[in-house]
Amino acid sequence: MAHSIRLLALAAFFLASGAAAQNRHDSAAPIDFGADHIELQDKANRAILTGNVSVRQAEMTLNSARMTVAYTGQVVDGSPQVSRLDAAGSVVVTRPQQTARSQFAVYDLNRRVITMLGAVSLLQGGNTVNGARLTINLDTGRAVIDGSAVSGGASAPGATTTTRGGRVTGTFSVPKRTQTPQTPTP
């Protein structure tokens, strides 16, 4: 148990220290997108993008097979105000010096947080951390990964339950070290 706590603390330190050194993400930057197909659902204030979906905002890209774009209904300078992106299917989020992969992701533009779920993998430099859920705060650069699984709940439609007991695993790269000559002790 203590080993797991130490490993989790080390992983959290690695993720927080590496990500915090990055510049703050500009979540107010325009969002450019591309997809094979788009369906606008104006009455529901959303758009459904399918097929090779690619979204770019400032230096961050989000790719997936499908994405739902929710907007507020307000139009500023001719553009709807996007509030949330829900991505599904081979999701990849790329930021400077970081790449994260999962099956699902939610980008909450109001909170400036990306939550990734399902077979999460975070790569930074030569380091890799795997888990079930990753939360990236775009203001602070802090990334937290845990082994908790989130699934649809049976109690109510749309409800979710969190299952504890998963593990966070990974590999940390070790820099090459030069060996210093040992001096014999008298």
C-alpha atoms as a PDB file:
ATOM      1  CA  MET A   1       0.000   0.000   0.000  1.00  0.00           C
ATOM      2  CA  ALA A   2       2.770   2.468   0.944  1.00  0.00           C
ATOM      3  CA  HIS A   3       4.560   1.637  -2.333  1.00  0.00           C
ATOM      4  CA  SER A   4       1.411   2.494  -4.300  1.00  0.00           C
ATOM      5  CA  ILE A   5       1.039   5.797  -2.456  1.00  0.00           C
ATOM      6  CA  ARG A   6       4.701   6.676  -3.097  1.00  0.00           C
ATOM      7  CA  LEU A   7       4.363   5.801  -6.779  1.00  0.00           C
ATOM      8  CA  LEU A   8       1.190   7.902  -7.064  1.00  0.00           C
ATOM      9  CA  ALA A   9       2.924  10.830  -5.335  1.00  0.00           C
ATOM     10  CA  LEU A  10       5.917  10.485  -7.678  1.00  0.00           C
ATOM     11  CA  ALA A  11       3.652  10.357 -10.729  1.00  0.00           C
ATOM     12  CA  ALA A  12       1.714  13.406  -9.521  1.00  0.00           C
ATOM     13  CA  PHE A  13       4.986  15.282  -8.954  1.00  0.00           C
ATOM     14  CA  PHE A  14       6.244  14.327 -12.415  1.00  0.00           C
ATOM     15  CA  LEU A  15       3.030  15.428 -14.078  1.00  0.00           C
ATOM     16  CA  ALA A  16       2.630  18.634 -12.091  1.00  0.00           C
ATOM     17  CA  SER A  17       6.234  19.756 -12.391  1.00  0.00           C
ATOM     18  CA  GLY A  18       6.541  19.044 -16.115  1.00  0.00           C
ATOM     19  CA  ALA A  19       3.184  20.486 -17.040  1.00  0.00           C
ATOM     20  CA  ALA A  20       3.414  23.537 -14.794  1.00  0.00           C
ATOM     21  CA  ALA A  21       6.563  24.623 -16.572  1.00  0.00           C
ATOM     22  CA  GLN A  22       4.585  24.993 -19.789  1.00  0.00           C
ATOM     23  CA  ASN A  23       2.915  28.224 -20.796  1.00  0.00           C
ATOM     24  CA  ARG A  24      -0.672  28.716 -19.783  1.00  0.00           C
ATOM     25  CA  HIS A  25      -3.135  27.622 -22.488  1.00  0.00           C
ATOM     26  CA  ASP A  26      -5.110  30.382 -24.211  1.00  0.00           C
ATOM     27  CA  SER A  27      -8.639  29.012 -23.820  1.00  0.00           C
ATOM     28  CA  ALA A  28     -10.051  32.224 -25.345  1.00  0.00           C
ATOM     29  CA  ALA A  29      -8.270  31.585 -28.669  1.00  0.00           C
ATOM     30  CA  PRO A  30     -10.470  30.695 -31.658  1.00  0.00           C
ATOM     31  CA  ILE A  31     -11.244  27.019 -32.200  1.00  0.00           C
ATOM     32  CA  ASP A  32     -10.497  25.751 -35.700  1.00  0.00           C
ATOM     33  CA  PHE A  33     -11.971  22.404 -36.714  1.00  0.00           C
ATOM     34  CA  GLY A  34     -12.061  19.921 -39.533  1.00  0.00           C
ATOM     35  CA  ALA A  35     -14.105  16.743 -40.006  1.00  0.00           C
ATOM     36  CA  ASP A  36     -15.456  14.491 -42.737  1.00  0.00           C
ATOM     37  CA  HIS A  37     -19.041  15.394 -41.807  1.00  0.00           C
ATOM     38  CA  ILE A  38     -20.829  18.004 -39.675  1.00  0.00           C
ATOM     39  CA  GLU A  39     -24.443  18.084 -38.574  1.00  0.00           C
ATOM     40  CA  LEU A  40     -25.716  21.370 -37.124  1.00  0.00           C
ATOM     41  CA  GLN A  41     -28.510  21.076 -34.569  1.00  0.00           C
ATOM     42  CA  ASP A  42     -29.306  24.750 -34.002  1.00  0.00           C
ATOM     43  CA  LYS A  43     -32.374  24.203 -31.833  1.00  0.00           C
ATOM     44  CA  ALA A  44     -30.268  22.060 -29.489  1.00  0.00           C
ATOM     45  CA  ASN A  45     -27.308  24.497 -29.668  1.00  0.00           C
ATOM     46  CA  ARG A  46     -24.859  21.845 -30.788  1.00  0.00           C
ATOM     47  CA  ALA A  47     -22.960  20.477 -33.739  1.00  0.00           C
ATOM     48  CA  ILE A  48     -21.951  16.857 -34.317  1.00  0.00           C
ATOM     49  CA  LEU A  49     -18.633  16.318 -36.093  1.00  0.00           C
ATOM     50  CA  THR A  50     -17.745  12.845 -37.370  1.00  0.00           C
ATOM     51  CA  GLY A  51     -14.869  11.236 -39.207  1.00  0.00           C
ATOM     52  CA  ASN A  52     -11.252  12.286 -38.673  1.00  0.00           C
ATOM     53  CA  VAL A  53     -12.227  15.131 -36.365  1.00  0.00           C
ATOM     54  CA  SER A  54      -9.439  17.604 -35.690  1.00  0.00           C
ATOM     55  CA  VAL A  55      -9.785  20.633 -33.429  1.00  0.00           C
ATOM     56  CA  ARG A  56      -7.059  23.191 -32.810  1.00  0.00           C
ATOM     57  CA  GLN A  57      -6.990  25.954 -30.215  1.00  0.00           C
ATOM     58  CA  ALA A  58      -3.770  27.942 -29.800  1.00  0.00           C
ATOM     59  CA  GLU A  59      -1.000  25.328 -29.411  1.00  0.00           C
ATOM     60  CA  MET A  60      -3.336  22.453 -28.459  1.00  0.00           C
ATOM     61  CA  THR A  61      -4.949  19.936 -30.814  1.00  0.00           C
ATOM     62  CA  LEU A  62      -7.700  17.443 -30.063  1.00  0.00           C
ATOM     63  CA  ASN A  63      -8.345  14.601 -32.531  1.00  0.00           C
ATOM     64  CA  SER A  64     -11.070  11.959 -32.364  1.00  0.00           C
ATOM     65  CA  ALA A  65     -13.490   9.907 -34.420  1.00  0.00           C
ATOM     66  CA  ARG A  66     -16.554  11.881 -33.236  1.00  0.00           C
ATOM     67  CA  MET A  67     -17.178  15.108 -31.362  1.00  0.00           C
ATOM     68  CA  THR A  68     -20.189  16.983 -30.046  1.00  0.00           C
ATOM     69  CA  VAL A  69     -19.701  20.747 -29.852  1.00  0.00           C
ATOM     70  CA  ALA A  70     -22.091  22.468 -27.423  1.00  0.00           C
ATOM     71  CA  TYR A  71     -22.575  26.200 -27.665  1.00  0.00           C
ATOM     72  CA  THR A  72     -24.516  28.718 -25.603  1.00  0.00           C
ATOM     73  CA  GLY A  73     -26.732  30.168 -28.320  1.00  0.00           C
ATOM     74  CA  GLN A  74     -25.009  33.544 -28.033  1.00  0.00           C
ATOM     75  CA  VAL A  75     -23.236  34.796 -31.140  1.00  0.00           C
ATOM     76  CA  VAL A  76     -20.242  37.121 -30.779  1.00  0.00           C
ATOM     77  CA  ASP A  77     -18.581  38.587 -33.879  1.00  0.00           C
ATOM     78  CA  GLY A  78     -20.560  36.151 -36.038  1.00  0.00           C
ATOM     79  CA  SER A  79     -19.442  33.016 -34.139  1.00  0.00           C
ATOM     80  CA  PRO A  80     -21.402  30.881 -31.670  1.00  0.00           C
ATOM     81  CA  GLN A  81     -19.888  30.769 -28.167  1.00  0.00           C
ATOM     82  CA  VAL A  82     -18.629  27.209 -27.631  1.00  0.00           C
ATOM     83  CA  SER A  83     -18.939  25.948 -24.050  1.00  0.00           C
ATOM     84  CA  ARG A  84     -18.009  22.254 -24.258  1.00  0.00           C
ATOM     85  CA  LEU A  85     -16.454  19.649 -26.547  1.00  0.00           C
ATOM     86  CA  ASP A  86     -17.254  15.946 -26.036  1.00  0.00           C
ATOM     87  CA  ALA A  87     -14.912  13.659 -27.976  1.00  0.00           C
ATOM     88  CA  ALA A  88     -15.171   9.894 -28.473  1.00  0.00           C
ATOM     89  CA  GLY A  89     -13.130   7.258 -30.244  1.00  0.00           C
ATOM     90  CA  SER A  90      -9.326   7.238 -30.326  1.00  0.00           C
ATOM     91  CA  VAL A  91      -9.012  10.632 -28.638  1.00  0.00           C
ATOM     92  CA  VAL A  92      -5.597  12.319 -28.791  1.00  0.00           C
ATOM     93  CA  VAL A  93      -4.833  15.640 -27.073  1.00  0.00           C
ATOM     94  CA  THR A  94      -1.506  17.186 -28.021  1.00  0.00           C
ATOM     95  CA  ARG A  95       0.046  20.109 -26.168  1.00  0.00           C
ATOM     96  CA  PRO A  96       3.616  21.351 -26.258  1.00  0.00           C
ATOM     97  CA  GLN A  97       5.775  18.513 -24.892  1.00  0.00           C
ATOM     98  CA  GLN A  98       2.711  16.382 -23.938  1.00  0.00           C
ATOM     99  CA  THR A  99       0.500  13.858 -25.700  1.00  0.00           C
ATOM    100  CA  ALA A 100      -2.492  12.208 -24.018  1.00  0.00           C
ATOM    101  CA  ARG A 101      -4.619   9.373 -25.435  1.00  0.00           C
ATOM    102  CA  SER A 102      -7.944   7.934 -24.298  1.00  0.00           C
ATOM    103  CA  GLN A 103     -11.288   6.659 -25.531  1.00  0.00           C
ATOM    104  CA  PHE A 104     -13.318   9.687 -24.364  1.00  0.00           C
ATOM    105  CA  ALA A 105     -12.631  13.310 -23.455  1.00  0.00           C
ATOM    106  CA  VAL A 106     -14.598  16.339 -22.305  1.00  0.00           C
ATOM    107  CA  TYR A 107     -13.174  19.833 -22.730  1.00  0.00           C
ATOM    108  CA  ASP A 108     -15.121  22.232 -20.490  1.00  0.00           C
ATOM    109  CA  LEU A 109     -14.204  25.655 -21.887  1.00  0.00           C
ATOM    110  CA  ASN A 110     -15.851  27.527 -19.012  1.00  0.00           C
ATOM    111  CA  ARG A 111     -13.772  25.708 -16.364  1.00  0.00           C
ATOM    112  CA  ARG A 112     -10.753  25.371 -18.727  1.00  0.00           C
ATOM    113  CA  VAL A 113     -10.419  21.681 -17.836  1.00  0.00           C
ATOM    114  CA  ILE A 114     -10.014  18.591 -20.019  1.00  0.00           C
ATOM    115  CA  THR A 115     -11.097  15.260 -18.532  1.00  0.00           C
ATOM    116  CA  MET A 116     -10.040  12.108 -20.383  1.00  0.00           C
ATOM    117  CA  LEU A 117     -11.482   8.663 -19.657  1.00  0.00           C
ATOM    118  CA  GLY A 118     -10.820   5.074 -20.687  1.00  0.00           C
ATOM    119  CA  ALA A 119      -7.372   3.566 -21.258  1.00  0.00           C
ATOM    120  CA  VAL A 120      -5.611   6.872 -20.615  1.00  0.00           C
ATOM    121  CA  SER A 121      -1.951   7.262 -21.525  1.00  0.00           C
ATOM    122  CA  LEU A 122       0.056  10.442 -20.931  1.00  0.00           C
ATOM    123  CA  LEU A 123       3.453  10.851 -22.613  1.00  0.00           C
ATOM    124  CA  GLN A 124       5.838  13.618 -21.726  1.00  0.00           C
ATOM    125  CA  GLY A 125       9.435  13.397 -22.890  1.00  0.00           C
ATOM    126  CA  GLY A 126      10.556   9.836 -22.270  1.00  0.00           C
ATOM    127  CA  ASN A 127       8.011   9.365 -19.472  1.00  0.00           C
ATOM    128  CA  THR A 128       4.703   7.518 -19.755  1.00  0.00           C
ATOM    129  CA  VAL A 129       1.902   7.257 -17.190  1.00  0.00           C
ATOM    130  CA  ASN A 130      -1.197   5.081 -17.720  1.00  0.00           C
ATOM    131  CA  GLY A 131      -4.484   5.107 -15.849  1.00  0.00           C
ATOM    132  CA  ALA A 132      -8.233   5.295 -16.200  1.00  0.00           C
ATOM    133  CA  ARG A 133      -8.877   9.034 -15.823  1.00  0.00           C
ATOM    134  CA  LEU A 134      -6.777  12.130 -16.541  1.00  0.00           C
ATOM    135  CA  THR A 135      -7.711  15.690 -15.625  1.00  0.00           C
ATOM    136  CA  ILE A 136      -5.740  18.579 -17.144  1.00  0.00           C
ATOM    137  CA  ASN A 137      -6.226  22.083 -15.754  1.00  0.00           C
ATOM    138  CA  LEU A 138      -5.338  24.361 -18.668  1.00  0.00           C
ATOM    139  CA  ASP A 139      -4.844  27.411 -16.401  1.00  0.00           C
ATOM    140  CA  THR A 140      -2.251  25.822 -14.125  1.00  0.00           C
ATOM    141  CA  GLY A 141      -0.930  23.075 -16.411  1.00  0.00           C
ATOM    142  CA  ARG A 142      -1.526  20.551 -13.602  1.00  0.00           C
ATOM    143  CA  ALA A 143      -2.314  17.042 -14.810  1.00  0.00           C
ATOM    144  CA  VAL A 144      -3.715  14.413 -12.420  1.00  0.00           C
ATOM    145  CA  ILE A 145      -4.108  10.792 -13.454  1.00  0.00           C
ATOM    146  CA  ASP A 146      -5.740   8.067 -11.394  1.00  0.00           C
ATOM    147  CA  GLY A 147      -6.830   4.478 -11.718  1.00  0.00           C
ATOM    148  CA  SER A 148     -10.516   5.075 -11.013  1.00  0.00           C
ATOM    149  CA  ALA A 149     -12.847   3.870 -13.717  1.00  0.00           C
ATOM    150  CA  VAL A 150     -15.990   5.828 -14.562  1.00  0.00           C
ATOM    151  CA  SER A 151     -18.919   4.030 -16.124  1.00  0.00           C
ATOM    152  CA  GLY A 152     -22.614   4.499 -16.728  1.00  0.00           C
ATOM    153  CA  GLY A 153     -24.664   3.861 -13.630  1.00  0.00           C
ATOM    154  CA  ALA A 154     -27.639   1.548 -13.471  1.00  0.00           C
ATOM    155  CA  SER A 155     -29.500   3.696 -10.953  1.00  0.00           C
ATOM    156  CA  ALA A 156     -30.577   6.505 -13.297  1.00  0.00           C
ATOM    157  CA  PRO A 157     -30.228   7.280 -16.979  1.00  0.00           C
ATOM    158  CA  GLY A 158     -27.097   9.320 -17.598  1.00  0.00           C
ATOM    159  CA  ALA A 159     -25.731   8.695 -14.096  1.00  0.00           C
ATOM    160  CA  THR A 160     -22.131   7.692 -13.602  1.00  0.00           C
ATOM    161  CA  THR A 161     -20.408   5.668 -10.931  1.00  0.00           C
ATOM    162  CA  THR A 162     -16.754   5.660  -9.950  1.00  0.00           C
ATOM    163  CA  THR A 163     -15.098   2.319  -9.351  1.00  0.00           C
ATOM    164  CA  ARG A 164     -12.053   2.428  -7.078  1.00  0.00           C
ATOM    165  CA  GLY A 165      -9.171  -0.002  -7.069  1.00  0.00           C
ATOM    166  CA  GLY A 166      -7.584   0.696 -10.433  1.00  0.00           C
ATOM    167  CA  ARG A 167      -3.866   1.307 -10.659  1.00  0.00           C
ATOM    168  CA  VAL A 168      -1.705   3.956 -12.198  1.00  0.00           C
ATOM    169  CA  THR A 169       1.309   2.520 -14.002  1.00  0.00           C
ATOM    170  CA  GLY A 170       4.106   3.997 -16.008  1.00  0.00           C
ATOM    171  CA  THR A 171       7.712   4.328 -16.972  1.00  0.00           C
ATOM    172  CA  PHE A 172      10.028   7.170 -16.016  1.00  0.00           C
ATOM    173  CA  SER A 173      13.075   7.766 -18.173  1.00  0.00           C
ATOM    174  CA  VAL A 174      16.436   7.895 -16.451  1.00  0.00           C
ATOM    175  CA  PRO A 175      19.052  10.296 -17.794  1.00  0.00           C
ATOM    176  CA  LYS A 176      22.418   8.867 -18.730  1.00  0.00           C
ATOM    177  CA  ARG A 177      24.885   9.334 -15.955  1.00  0.00           C
ATOM    178  CA  THR A 178      28.612   9.421 -16.203  1.00  0.00           C
ATOM    179  CA  GLN A 179      30.355   7.172 -13.771  1.00  0.00           C
ATOM    180  CA  THR A 180      32.786   8.868 -11.475  1.00  0.00           C
ATOM    181  CA  PRO A 181      35.953   6.920 -10.690  1.00  0.00           C
ATOM    182  CA  GLN A 182      35.910   5.288  -7.299  1.00  0.00           C
ATOM    183  CA  THR A 183      38.893   6.072  -5.120  1.00  0.00           C
ATOM    184  CA  PRO A 184      40.072   3.221  -2.966  1.00  0.00           C
ATOM    185  CA  THR A 185      39.613   3.706   0.728  1.00  0.00           C
ATOM    186  CA  PRO A 186      42.716   3.259   2.878  1.00  0.00           C
END
